């Protein structure tokens, strides 16, 4: 494991650089990603990799391959669906914020799976149609 002049590993240096460029504290990262602040501090000093690498890259707005391996461009490299391509920067930020809120709510156990929402949203229609069916039979 190769260390820099500051005693950091190359991975740790990239983590620190990306977090600082995004203007986030370790505590803020803990709240967004769920990694303990002490673990992030350790990774930024002598880490060589983490299961949180992709989540951190997305939060920091950097290329996950660059963050993990130091290869490729610093930014970019994030896969996205075709339908996002026509959106403006502000619309993309809104979509990203929306998704981050869903992920955070799921971590807190406050969000339901989309499939369940779709089934639940159809339930009132089924009940209404069932009532119509019984009402027309009684006439």
N, C-alpha and C. Protein backbone atom coordinates (compact mmCIF):
# COMPACT_ATOMS: atom_id res chain seq x y z
N UNK A 1 0.85 -1.18 0.00
CA UNK A 1 0.00 0.00 0.00
C UNK A 1 0.89 1.24 0.00
N UNK A 2 0.77 2.04 -1.01
CA UNK A 2 1.59 3.23 -1.19
C UNK A 2 0.93 4.42 -0.50
N UNK A 3 1.70 5.14 0.33
CA UNK A 3 1.16 6.30 1.04
C UNK A 3 1.75 7.59 0.47
N UNK A 4 0.97 8.66 0.56
CA UNK A 4 1.42 9.97 0.09
C UNK A 4 2.25 10.64 1.17
N UNK A 5 2.67 11.86 0.89
CA UNK A 5 3.45 12.64 1.86
C UNK A 5 2.67 12.88 3.15
N UNK A 6 1.35 13.01 3.03
CA UNK A 6 0.52 13.27 4.20
C UNK A 6 0.16 11.98 4.93
N UNK A 7 0.67 10.84 4.49
CA UNK A 7 0.37 9.57 5.14
C UNK A 7 -0.93 8.94 4.65
N UNK A 8 -1.53 9.52 3.64
CA UNK A 8 -2.78 8.98 3.11
C UNK A 8 -2.50 8.00 1.97
N UNK A 9 -3.39 7.03 1.84
CA UNK A 9 -3.33 6.14 0.69
C UNK A 9 -3.87 6.89 -0.52
N UNK A 10 -3.54 6.44 -1.73
CA UNK A 10 -4.11 7.09 -2.92
C UNK A 10 -5.65 7.10 -2.90
N UNK A 11 -6.26 5.99 -2.47
CA UNK A 11 -7.73 5.93 -2.37
C UNK A 11 -8.22 6.96 -1.36
N UNK A 12 -7.55 7.04 -0.22
CA UNK A 12 -7.92 8.01 0.81
C UNK A 12 -7.81 9.44 0.31
N UNK A 13 -6.76 9.72 -0.45
CA UNK A 13 -6.60 11.07 -1.02
C UNK A 13 -7.74 11.41 -1.97
N UNK A 14 -8.12 10.43 -2.81
CA UNK A 14 -9.23 10.68 -3.75
C UNK A 14 -10.53 10.92 -2.99
N UNK A 15 -10.78 10.11 -1.96
CA UNK A 15 -11.99 10.30 -1.15
C UNK A 15 -12.03 11.69 -0.54
N UNK A 16 -10.93 12.08 0.08
CA UNK A 16 -10.86 13.39 0.73
C UNK A 16 -11.04 14.51 -0.29
N UNK A 17 -10.34 14.42 -1.40
CA UNK A 17 -10.43 15.45 -2.46
C UNK A 17 -11.86 15.58 -2.97
N UNK A 18 -12.51 14.45 -3.25
CA UNK A 18 -13.87 14.48 -3.78
C UNK A 18 -14.85 15.07 -2.77
N UNK A 19 -14.70 14.69 -1.50
CA UNK A 19 -15.61 15.21 -0.46
C UNK A 19 -15.42 16.71 -0.29
N UNK A 20 -14.17 17.14 -0.21
CA UNK A 20 -13.88 18.58 -0.03
C UNK A 20 -14.37 19.39 -1.23
N UNK A 21 -14.17 18.86 -2.44
CA UNK A 21 -14.64 19.56 -3.65
C UNK A 21 -16.15 19.71 -3.65
N UNK A 22 -16.84 18.78 -3.04
CA UNK A 22 -18.31 18.83 -2.96
C UNK A 22 -18.77 19.72 -1.81
N UNK A 23 -17.81 20.10 -0.93
CA UNK A 23 -18.14 20.99 0.18
C UNK A 23 -18.89 20.31 1.31
N UNK A 24 -18.63 19.02 1.50
CA UNK A 24 -19.34 18.26 2.53
C UNK A 24 -18.43 17.94 3.71
N UNK A 25 -19.01 17.90 4.90
CA UNK A 25 -18.29 17.43 6.07
C UNK A 25 -18.46 15.92 6.17
N UNK A 26 -17.62 15.29 6.97
CA UNK A 26 -17.76 13.84 7.17
C UNK A 26 -19.11 13.53 7.81
N UNK A 27 -19.57 14.38 8.68
CA UNK A 27 -20.87 14.16 9.34
C UNK A 27 -22.01 14.22 8.32
N UNK A 28 -21.93 15.16 7.38
CA UNK A 28 -22.96 15.25 6.34
C UNK A 28 -22.97 14.00 5.46
N UNK A 29 -21.77 13.50 5.16
CA UNK A 29 -21.67 12.27 4.36
C UNK A 29 -22.30 11.11 5.13
N UNK A 30 -22.05 11.05 6.41
CA UNK A 30 -22.64 10.00 7.25
C UNK A 30 -24.17 10.03 7.14
N UNK A 31 -24.74 11.21 7.17
CA UNK A 31 -26.20 11.34 7.09
C UNK A 31 -26.73 10.92 5.72
N UNK A 32 -26.00 11.24 4.65
CA UNK A 32 -26.46 10.93 3.29
C UNK A 32 -26.26 9.47 2.90
N UNK A 33 -25.11 8.91 3.26
CA UNK A 33 -24.73 7.59 2.76
C UNK A 33 -24.91 6.50 3.80
N UNK A 34 -24.81 6.85 5.08
CA UNK A 34 -24.97 5.84 6.12
C UNK A 34 -23.67 5.24 6.62
N UNK A 35 -22.54 5.74 6.14
CA UNK A 35 -21.24 5.28 6.65
C UNK A 35 -20.92 6.08 7.90
N UNK A 36 -20.45 5.42 8.95
CA UNK A 36 -20.12 6.11 10.19
C UNK A 36 -18.99 7.12 9.93
N UNK A 37 -19.08 8.26 10.57
CA UNK A 37 -18.08 9.32 10.39
C UNK A 37 -16.69 8.79 10.70
N UNK A 38 -16.56 7.99 11.75
CA UNK A 38 -15.24 7.44 12.12
C UNK A 38 -14.70 6.51 11.03
N UNK A 39 -15.58 5.74 10.41
CA UNK A 39 -15.15 4.85 9.32
C UNK A 39 -14.72 5.65 8.10
N UNK A 40 -15.45 6.73 7.80
CA UNK A 40 -15.07 7.58 6.67
C UNK A 40 -13.71 8.22 6.92
N UNK A 41 -13.49 8.69 8.15
CA UNK A 41 -12.20 9.30 8.50
C UNK A 41 -11.07 8.29 8.30
N UNK A 42 -11.31 7.06 8.72
CA UNK A 42 -10.32 5.99 8.55
C UNK A 42 -10.05 5.72 7.07
N UNK A 43 -11.13 5.65 6.27
CA UNK A 43 -10.97 5.43 4.83
C UNK A 43 -10.18 6.55 4.17
N UNK A 44 -10.47 7.79 4.58
CA UNK A 44 -9.78 8.94 3.99
C UNK A 44 -8.30 8.97 4.37
N UNK A 45 -7.93 8.27 5.41
CA UNK A 45 -6.54 8.24 5.82
C UNK A 45 -5.80 7.05 5.22
N UNK A 46 -6.31 5.84 5.46
CA UNK A 46 -5.57 4.66 5.01
C UNK A 46 -6.42 3.61 4.31
N UNK A 47 -7.55 4.02 3.76
CA UNK A 47 -8.41 3.08 3.06
C UNK A 47 -7.86 2.66 1.72
N UNK A 48 -8.24 1.46 1.32
CA UNK A 48 -7.85 0.96 -0.01
C UNK A 48 -9.07 0.61 -0.85
N UNK A 49 -10.24 0.70 -0.27
CA UNK A 49 -11.49 0.41 -0.96
C UNK A 49 -12.60 0.27 0.06
N UNK A 50 -13.83 0.27 -0.41
CA UNK A 50 -14.96 0.19 0.50
C UNK A 50 -16.21 -0.24 -0.25
N UNK A 51 -17.12 -0.86 0.48
CA UNK A 51 -18.42 -1.20 -0.12
C UNK A 51 -19.24 0.06 -0.35
N UNK A 52 -18.83 1.18 0.22
CA UNK A 52 -19.52 2.46 0.05
C UNK A 52 -18.99 3.27 -1.13
N UNK A 53 -18.02 2.75 -1.86
CA UNK A 53 -17.35 3.53 -2.91
C UNK A 53 -18.32 4.10 -3.94
N UNK A 54 -19.23 3.28 -4.45
CA UNK A 54 -20.15 3.76 -5.48
C UNK A 54 -21.10 4.81 -4.90
N UNK A 55 -21.63 4.57 -3.71
CA UNK A 55 -22.52 5.54 -3.07
C UNK A 55 -21.80 6.87 -2.83
N UNK A 56 -20.56 6.79 -2.38
CA UNK A 56 -19.79 8.01 -2.16
C UNK A 56 -19.52 8.74 -3.48
N UNK A 57 -19.19 7.98 -4.52
CA UNK A 57 -18.94 8.60 -5.83
C UNK A 57 -20.18 9.33 -6.33
N UNK A 58 -21.35 8.72 -6.17
CA UNK A 58 -22.59 9.36 -6.60
C UNK A 58 -22.86 10.62 -5.80
N UNK A 59 -22.65 10.55 -4.49
CA UNK A 59 -22.85 11.72 -3.64
C UNK A 59 -21.88 12.84 -4.01
N UNK A 60 -20.64 12.48 -4.27
CA UNK A 60 -19.61 13.47 -4.57
C UNK A 60 -19.66 13.95 -6.01
N UNK A 61 -20.42 13.28 -6.85
CA UNK A 61 -20.51 13.67 -8.26
C UNK A 61 -19.26 13.33 -9.05
N UNK A 62 -18.60 12.22 -8.68
CA UNK A 62 -17.40 11.81 -9.40
C UNK A 62 -17.61 10.43 -10.02
N UNK A 63 -16.73 10.09 -10.93
CA UNK A 63 -16.74 8.80 -11.60
C UNK A 63 -16.39 7.70 -10.59
N UNK A 64 -17.25 6.70 -10.40
CA UNK A 64 -16.95 5.63 -9.45
C UNK A 64 -15.65 4.89 -9.76
N UNK A 65 -15.32 4.73 -11.03
CA UNK A 65 -14.07 4.04 -11.40
C UNK A 65 -12.87 4.89 -10.98
N UNK A 66 -12.95 6.19 -11.19
CA UNK A 66 -11.87 7.07 -10.75
C UNK A 66 -11.72 7.00 -9.24
N UNK A 67 -12.82 7.07 -8.51
CA UNK A 67 -12.74 7.05 -7.05
C UNK A 67 -12.15 5.73 -6.56
N UNK A 68 -12.59 4.63 -7.12
CA UNK A 68 -12.13 3.31 -6.67
C UNK A 68 -10.69 3.02 -7.09
N UNK A 69 -10.36 3.33 -8.34
CA UNK A 69 -9.09 2.87 -8.90
C UNK A 69 -8.13 3.97 -9.33
N UNK A 70 -8.63 5.21 -9.37
CA UNK A 70 -7.78 6.31 -9.83
C UNK A 70 -7.61 6.32 -11.34
N UNK A 71 -8.48 5.63 -12.06
CA UNK A 71 -8.38 5.54 -13.53
C UNK A 71 -9.58 6.22 -14.16
N UNK A 72 -9.36 6.76 -15.36
CA UNK A 72 -10.46 7.40 -16.08
C UNK A 72 -10.65 8.83 -15.63
N UNK A 73 -11.66 9.50 -16.21
CA UNK A 73 -11.92 10.90 -15.86
C UNK A 73 -12.47 11.00 -14.44
N UNK A 74 -12.19 12.12 -13.80
CA UNK A 74 -12.68 12.35 -12.43
C UNK A 74 -14.20 12.41 -12.42
N UNK A 75 -14.77 13.09 -13.39
CA UNK A 75 -16.24 13.17 -13.45
C UNK A 75 -16.73 12.36 -14.63
N UNK A 76 -18.01 12.14 -14.66
CA UNK A 76 -18.60 11.34 -15.73
C UNK A 76 -18.56 9.87 -15.34
N UNK A 77 -18.92 9.06 -16.28
CA UNK A 77 -18.90 7.64 -16.02
C UNK A 77 -20.10 7.13 -15.26
N UNK A 78 -21.04 8.00 -14.97
CA UNK A 78 -22.23 7.56 -14.26
C UNK A 78 -23.28 7.13 -15.28
N UNK A 79 -23.71 5.86 -15.20
CA UNK A 79 -24.74 5.43 -16.15
C UNK A 79 -26.07 6.11 -15.84
N UNK A 80 -26.81 6.43 -16.88
CA UNK A 80 -28.12 7.03 -16.66
C UNK A 80 -29.07 6.58 -17.76
N UNK A 81 -30.36 6.49 -17.45
CA UNK A 81 -31.33 6.10 -18.47
C UNK A 81 -31.41 7.14 -19.59
N UNK A 82 -31.79 6.68 -20.77
CA UNK A 82 -31.89 7.57 -21.94
C UNK A 82 -32.84 8.74 -21.70
N UNK A 83 -33.92 8.52 -20.95
CA UNK A 83 -34.92 9.57 -20.77
C UNK A 83 -34.38 10.75 -19.96
N UNK A 84 -33.24 10.60 -19.29
CA UNK A 84 -32.65 11.72 -18.56
C UNK A 84 -31.90 12.68 -19.47
N UNK A 85 -31.53 12.22 -20.66
CA UNK A 85 -30.68 13.02 -21.54
C UNK A 85 -31.29 14.35 -21.96
N UNK A 86 -32.60 14.45 -22.08
CA UNK A 86 -33.23 15.69 -22.52
C UNK A 86 -33.50 16.69 -21.41
N UNK A 87 -33.15 16.35 -20.17
CA UNK A 87 -33.44 17.23 -19.04
C UNK A 87 -32.36 18.29 -18.86
N UNK A 88 -32.77 19.44 -18.33
CA UNK A 88 -31.81 20.51 -18.03
C UNK A 88 -31.04 20.14 -16.76
N UNK A 89 -29.98 20.91 -16.47
CA UNK A 89 -29.19 20.66 -15.26
C UNK A 89 -30.05 20.77 -14.00
N UNK A 90 -30.92 21.78 -13.94
CA UNK A 90 -31.76 21.94 -12.75
C UNK A 90 -32.75 20.79 -12.62
N UNK A 91 -33.27 20.31 -13.75
CA UNK A 91 -34.19 19.16 -13.71
C UNK A 91 -33.45 17.90 -13.27
N UNK A 92 -32.21 17.74 -13.74
CA UNK A 92 -31.41 16.58 -13.31
C UNK A 92 -31.12 16.64 -11.82
N UNK A 93 -30.83 17.84 -11.31
CA UNK A 93 -30.60 17.98 -9.86
C UNK A 93 -31.87 17.63 -9.09
N UNK A 94 -33.02 18.02 -9.60
CA UNK A 94 -34.30 17.69 -8.95
C UNK A 94 -34.53 16.19 -8.93
N UNK A 95 -34.25 15.53 -10.04
CA UNK A 95 -34.41 14.07 -10.11
C UNK A 95 -33.46 13.40 -9.12
N UNK A 96 -32.21 13.86 -9.09
CA UNK A 96 -31.22 13.28 -8.18
C UNK A 96 -31.64 13.48 -6.73
N UNK A 97 -32.11 14.67 -6.40
CA UNK A 97 -32.56 14.96 -5.03
C UNK A 97 -33.76 14.08 -4.67
N UNK A 98 -34.68 13.91 -5.59
CA UNK A 98 -35.85 13.07 -5.37
C UNK A 98 -35.43 11.63 -5.06
N UNK A 99 -34.50 11.11 -5.87
CA UNK A 99 -34.03 9.74 -5.67
C UNK A 99 -33.30 9.62 -4.34
N UNK A 100 -32.48 10.60 -4.00
CA UNK A 100 -31.77 10.56 -2.72
C UNK A 100 -32.75 10.57 -1.55
N UNK A 101 -33.84 11.32 -1.66
CA UNK A 101 -34.86 11.34 -0.61
C UNK A 101 -35.54 9.98 -0.47
N UNK A 102 -35.80 9.32 -1.59
CA UNK A 102 -36.40 7.98 -1.54
C UNK A 102 -35.46 7.01 -0.86
N UNK A 103 -34.19 7.05 -1.25
CA UNK A 103 -33.20 6.14 -0.65
C UNK A 103 -33.09 6.40 0.85
N UNK A 104 -33.03 7.66 1.24
CA UNK A 104 -32.94 7.99 2.67
C UNK A 104 -34.18 7.53 3.42
N UNK A 105 -35.35 7.70 2.83
CA UNK A 105 -36.59 7.26 3.48
C UNK A 105 -36.62 5.75 3.64
N UNK A 106 -36.14 5.03 2.64
CA UNK A 106 -36.08 3.57 2.74
C UNK A 106 -35.15 3.14 3.85
N UNK A 107 -34.02 3.83 3.98
CA UNK A 107 -33.08 3.50 5.06
C UNK A 107 -33.73 3.69 6.41
N UNK A 108 -34.59 4.69 6.51
CA UNK A 108 -35.30 4.95 7.77
C UNK A 108 -36.54 4.07 7.91
N UNK A 109 -36.83 3.29 6.87
CA UNK A 109 -38.00 2.43 6.91
C UNK A 109 -39.30 3.17 6.69
N UNK A 110 -39.24 4.35 6.07
CA UNK A 110 -40.43 5.17 5.90
C UNK A 110 -41.03 5.10 4.50
N UNK A 111 -40.37 4.44 3.58
CA UNK A 111 -40.89 4.40 2.21
C UNK A 111 -41.27 2.98 1.85
N UNK A 112 -42.33 2.86 1.09
CA UNK A 112 -42.76 1.55 0.63
C UNK A 112 -42.22 1.33 -0.77
N UNK A 113 -42.17 0.10 -1.15
CA UNK A 113 -41.71 -0.27 -2.49
C UNK A 113 -42.71 0.24 -3.53
N UNK A 114 -42.25 0.69 -4.70
CA UNK A 114 -43.15 1.21 -5.73
C UNK A 114 -44.23 0.23 -6.15
N UNK A 115 -43.91 -1.08 -6.22
CA UNK A 115 -44.92 -2.05 -6.63
C UNK A 115 -46.12 -2.01 -5.67
N UNK A 116 -45.83 -1.88 -4.40
CA UNK A 116 -46.90 -1.84 -3.41
C UNK A 116 -47.73 -0.58 -3.58
N UNK A 117 -47.08 0.53 -3.88
CA UNK A 117 -47.81 1.77 -4.09
C UNK A 117 -48.76 1.63 -5.27
N UNK A 118 -48.31 0.98 -6.33
CA UNK A 118 -49.16 0.80 -7.51
C UNK A 118 -50.36 -0.07 -7.18
N UNK A 119 -50.15 -1.13 -6.43
CA UNK A 119 -51.26 -2.01 -6.04
C UNK A 119 -52.21 -1.26 -5.13
N UNK A 120 -51.66 -0.54 -4.14
CA UNK A 120 -52.49 0.21 -3.21
C UNK A 120 -53.30 1.29 -3.92
N UNK A 121 -52.71 1.94 -4.92
CA UNK A 121 -53.43 3.02 -5.60
C UNK A 121 -54.58 2.48 -6.43
N UNK A 122 -54.54 1.20 -6.80
CA UNK A 122 -55.63 0.61 -7.57
C UNK A 122 -56.76 0.13 -6.66
N UNK A 123 -56.48 -0.05 -5.40
CA UNK A 123 -57.46 -0.61 -4.47
C UNK A 123 -58.75 0.20 -4.39
N UNK A 124 -58.71 1.54 -4.26
CA UNK A 124 -59.96 2.29 -4.20
C UNK A 124 -60.82 2.10 -5.46
N UNK A 125 -60.18 1.99 -6.63
CA UNK A 125 -60.93 1.77 -7.87
C UNK A 125 -61.66 0.43 -7.82
N UNK A 126 -60.98 -0.59 -7.32
CA UNK A 126 -61.61 -1.92 -7.24
C UNK A 126 -62.81 -1.89 -6.30
N UNK A 127 -62.66 -1.22 -5.16
CA UNK A 127 -63.77 -1.15 -4.19
C UNK A 127 -64.94 -0.39 -4.79
N UNK A 128 -64.63 0.72 -5.48
CA UNK A 128 -65.67 1.53 -6.09
C UNK A 128 -66.42 0.71 -7.14
N UNK A 129 -65.68 -0.04 -7.96
CA UNK A 129 -66.32 -0.86 -8.99
C UNK A 129 -67.13 -1.99 -8.37
N UNK A 130 -66.65 -2.53 -7.27
CA UNK A 130 -67.39 -3.60 -6.60
C UNK A 130 -68.72 -3.06 -6.07
N UNK A 131 -68.68 -1.83 -5.52
CA UNK A 131 -69.92 -1.22 -5.02
C UNK A 131 -70.89 -0.97 -6.16
N UNK A 132 -70.37 -0.51 -7.31
CA UNK A 132 -71.23 -0.27 -8.47
C UNK A 132 -71.89 -1.56 -8.90
N UNK A 133 -71.12 -2.64 -8.88
CA UNK A 133 -71.65 -3.94 -9.30
C UNK A 133 -72.77 -4.41 -8.40
N UNK A 134 -72.61 -4.24 -7.08
CA UNK A 134 -73.66 -4.68 -6.16
C UNK A 134 -74.85 -3.74 -6.21
N UNK A 135 -74.59 -2.45 -6.45
CA UNK A 135 -75.70 -1.49 -6.52
C UNK A 135 -76.56 -1.76 -7.75
N UNK A 136 -75.93 -2.10 -8.87
CA UNK A 136 -76.72 -2.34 -10.08
C UNK A 136 -77.46 -3.67 -9.99
N UNK A 137 -76.94 -4.64 -9.24
CA UNK A 137 -77.63 -5.92 -9.08
C UNK A 137 -78.88 -5.75 -8.22
N UNK A 138 -78.83 -4.82 -7.26
CA UNK A 138 -79.96 -4.62 -6.35
C UNK A 138 -81.11 -3.88 -7.00
N UNK A 139 -80.93 -3.25 -8.14
CA UNK A 139 -81.98 -2.47 -8.81
C UNK A 139 -82.94 -3.32 -9.55
